[in-house]
Amino acid sequence: TPLKKLRVEIRSAEKHERQVARELEELEEEAGADMGPDDEYQPLWGKCWSLVHAQYTYEVCVGGEARQKDGKGPGVGLGEWTGFEDDGEADPSQGLPGRA
């Protein structure tokens, strides 16, 4: 019926609106994030790394959160991304610590 068809279209439009709103929120968060001098860390935004240790997998995502997983369920949240810190000890022009 025309009424059913209209309701389906409305639900589809509302779903699309929620998706666009989420994407906009993510873009605004990224735009306001500290990406370091000259946005040098921007290519890392949204990237995740994992490390397996014993029965746990640790995952950290730049701009996201850190989690501890044991293979069962979503895991435990360890914290959320707050930004980069410069402790003043590293000198990027000298390469990685401990390497010539």
C-alpha atoms as a PDB file:
ATOM      1  CA  THR A   1       0.000   0.000   0.000  1.00  0.00           C
ATOM      2  CA  PRO A   2       1.122   3.586  -0.451  1.00  0.00           C
ATOM      3  CA  LEU A   3       1.090   4.153   3.315  1.00  0.00           C
ATOM      4  CA  LYS A   4       3.396   1.173   3.965  1.00  0.00           C
ATOM      5  CA  LYS A   5       5.728   2.321   1.221  1.00  0.00           C
ATOM      6  CA  LEU A   6       5.850   5.810   2.724  1.00  0.00           C
ATOM      7  CA  ARG A   7       6.625   4.401   6.198  1.00  0.00           C
ATOM      8  CA  VAL A   8       9.488   2.333   4.766  1.00  0.00           C
ATOM      9  CA  GLU A   9      10.896   5.399   3.034  1.00  0.00           C
ATOM     10  CA  ILE A  10      10.609   7.444   6.244  1.00  0.00           C
ATOM     11  CA  ARG A  11      12.441   4.757   8.273  1.00  0.00           C
ATOM     12  CA  SER A  12      15.145   4.591   5.615  1.00  0.00           C
ATOM     13  CA  ALA A  13      15.550   8.378   5.632  1.00  0.00           C
ATOM     14  CA  GLU A  14      15.727   8.443   9.442  1.00  0.00           C
ATOM     15  CA  LYS A  15      18.379   5.711   9.429  1.00  0.00           C
ATOM     16  CA  HIS A  16      20.389   7.663   6.865  1.00  0.00           C
ATOM     17  CA  GLU A  17      20.046  10.832   8.953  1.00  0.00           C
ATOM     18  CA  ARG A  18      21.424   9.031  12.055  1.00  0.00           C
ATOM     19  CA  GLN A  19      24.343   7.670  10.019  1.00  0.00           C
ATOM     20  CA  VAL A  20      25.211  11.110   8.635  1.00  0.00           C
ATOM     21  CA  ALA A  21      24.959  12.614  12.139  1.00  0.00           C
ATOM     22  CA  ARG A  22      27.411   9.970  13.474  1.00  0.00           C
ATOM     23  CA  GLU A  23      29.835  10.651  10.625  1.00  0.00           C
ATOM     24  CA  LEU A  24      29.633  14.393  11.240  1.00  0.00           C
ATOM     25  CA  GLU A  25      30.308  13.881  14.951  1.00  0.00           C
ATOM     26  CA  GLU A  26      33.376  11.749  14.148  1.00  0.00           C
ATOM     27  CA  LEU A  27      34.688  14.368  11.705  1.00  0.00           C
ATOM     28  CA  GLU A  28      34.171  17.163  14.244  1.00  0.00           C
ATOM     29  CA  GLU A  29      36.011  15.122  16.880  1.00  0.00           C
ATOM     30  CA  GLU A  30      38.902  14.484  14.500  1.00  0.00           C
ATOM     31  CA  ALA A  31      39.031  18.148  13.452  1.00  0.00           C
ATOM     32  CA  GLY A  32      39.295  19.233  17.093  1.00  0.00           C
ATOM     33  CA  ALA A  33      41.907  16.633  18.060  1.00  0.00           C
ATOM     34  CA  ASP A  34      45.532  17.419  18.803  1.00  0.00           C
ATOM     35  CA  MET A  35      47.447  16.003  15.855  1.00  0.00           C
ATOM     36  CA  GLY A  36      50.817  17.381  16.911  1.00  0.00           C
ATOM     37  CA  PRO A  37      52.866  20.124  15.298  1.00  0.00           C
ATOM     38  CA  ASP A  38      51.856  20.627  11.669  1.00  0.00           C
ATOM     39  CA  ASP A  39      49.306  17.775  12.066  1.00  0.00           C
ATOM     40  CA  GLU A  40      52.166  15.268  11.797  1.00  0.00           C
ATOM     41  CA  TYR A  41      50.173  12.553  13.614  1.00  0.00           C
ATOM     42  CA  GLN A  42      47.031  12.926  11.468  1.00  0.00           C
ATOM     43  CA  PRO A  43      47.821   9.829   9.346  1.00  0.00           C
ATOM     44  CA  LEU A  44      47.633   7.757  12.556  1.00  0.00           C
ATOM     45  CA  TRP A  45      44.065   8.882  13.389  1.00  0.00           C
ATOM     46  CA  GLY A  46      41.716   5.907  13.497  1.00  0.00           C
ATOM     47  CA  LYS A  47      44.530   3.341  13.251  1.00  0.00           C
ATOM     48  CA  CYS A  48      44.625   0.506  15.792  1.00  0.00           C
ATOM     49  CA  TRP A  49      47.441  -1.750  16.999  1.00  0.00           C
ATOM     50  CA  SER A  50      47.215  -5.021  18.886  1.00  0.00           C
ATOM     51  CA  LEU A  51      49.622  -6.943  21.088  1.00  0.00           C
ATOM     52  CA  VAL A  52      49.076 -10.521  22.290  1.00  0.00           C
ATOM     53  CA  HIS A  53      50.441 -11.279  25.746  1.00  0.00           C
ATOM     54  CA  ALA A  54      49.570 -14.549  27.518  1.00  0.00           C
ATOM     55  CA  GLN A  55      45.830 -15.112  27.089  1.00  0.00           C
ATOM     56  CA  TYR A  56      45.073 -11.424  26.462  1.00  0.00           C
ATOM     57  CA  THR A  57      45.073  -9.238  23.386  1.00  0.00           C
ATOM     58  CA  TYR A  58      45.636  -5.546  24.048  1.00  0.00           C
ATOM     59  CA  GLU A  59      44.397  -3.078  21.462  1.00  0.00           C
ATOM     60  CA  VAL A  60      44.899   0.677  21.294  1.00  0.00           C
ATOM     61  CA  CYS A  61      43.325   2.948  18.701  1.00  0.00           C
ATOM     62  CA  VAL A  62      44.478   6.505  18.037  1.00  0.00           C
ATOM     63  CA  GLY A  63      41.423   8.672  18.613  1.00  0.00           C
ATOM     64  CA  GLY A  64      39.530   5.712  20.076  1.00  0.00           C
ATOM     65  CA  GLU A  65      40.055   3.542  23.089  1.00  0.00           C
ATOM     66  CA  ALA A  66      42.315   0.911  24.587  1.00  0.00           C
ATOM     67  CA  ARG A  67      40.879  -2.551  25.319  1.00  0.00           C
ATOM     68  CA  GLN A  68      41.992  -5.817  26.878  1.00  0.00           C
ATOM     69  CA  LYS A  69      40.406  -8.861  25.235  1.00  0.00           C
ATOM     70  CA  ASP A  70      40.490 -12.515  26.205  1.00  0.00           C
ATOM     71  CA  GLY A  71      38.688 -13.941  23.193  1.00  0.00           C
ATOM     72  CA  LYS A  72      35.306 -13.920  24.910  1.00  0.00           C
ATOM     73  CA  GLY A  73      33.097 -10.945  24.209  1.00  0.00           C
ATOM     74  CA  PRO A  74      34.132  -7.363  23.523  1.00  0.00           C
ATOM     75  CA  GLY A  75      36.737  -7.202  26.282  1.00  0.00           C
ATOM     76  CA  VAL A  76      37.376  -4.622  28.973  1.00  0.00           C
ATOM     77  CA  GLY A  77      37.840  -0.940  28.292  1.00  0.00           C
ATOM     78  CA  LEU A  78      41.147   0.386  29.636  1.00  0.00           C
ATOM     79  CA  GLY A  79      40.623   4.027  28.737  1.00  0.00           C
ATOM     80  CA  GLU A  80      39.921   6.464  25.949  1.00  0.00           C
ATOM     81  CA  TRP A  81      42.251   8.463  23.753  1.00  0.00           C
ATOM     82  CA  THR A  82      43.041  11.908  25.158  1.00  0.00           C
ATOM     83  CA  GLY A  83      45.846  13.044  22.863  1.00  0.00           C
ATOM     84  CA  PHE A  84      49.570  12.897  22.286  1.00  0.00           C
ATOM     85  CA  GLU A  85      52.037  13.851  25.018  1.00  0.00           C
ATOM     86  CA  ASP A  86      55.526  15.118  24.448  1.00  0.00           C
ATOM     87  CA  ASP A  87      57.721  14.438  27.453  1.00  0.00           C
ATOM     88  CA  GLY A  88      60.575  16.345  25.834  1.00  0.00           C
ATOM     89  CA  GLU A  89      62.926  13.358  25.939  1.00  0.00           C
ATOM     90  CA  ALA A  90      62.715  12.105  22.356  1.00  0.00           C
ATOM     91  CA  ASP A  91      64.502  13.874  19.555  1.00  0.00           C
ATOM     92  CA  PRO A  92      62.926  12.746  16.275  1.00  0.00           C
ATOM     93  CA  SER A  93      65.975  13.890  14.340  1.00  0.00           C
ATOM     94  CA  GLN A  94      68.004  11.223  16.151  1.00  0.00           C
ATOM     95  CA  GLY A  95      65.846   8.268  15.020  1.00  0.00           C
ATOM     96  CA  LEU A  96      64.318   5.677  17.277  1.00  0.00           C
ATOM     97  CA  PRO A  97      65.697   5.249  20.822  1.00  0.00           C
ATOM     98  CA  GLY A  98      68.310   2.535  21.008  1.00  0.00           C
ATOM     99  CA  ARG A  99      68.925   2.509  17.264  1.00  0.00           C
ATOM    100  CA  ALA A 100      71.816   3.966  15.372  1.00  0.00           C
END
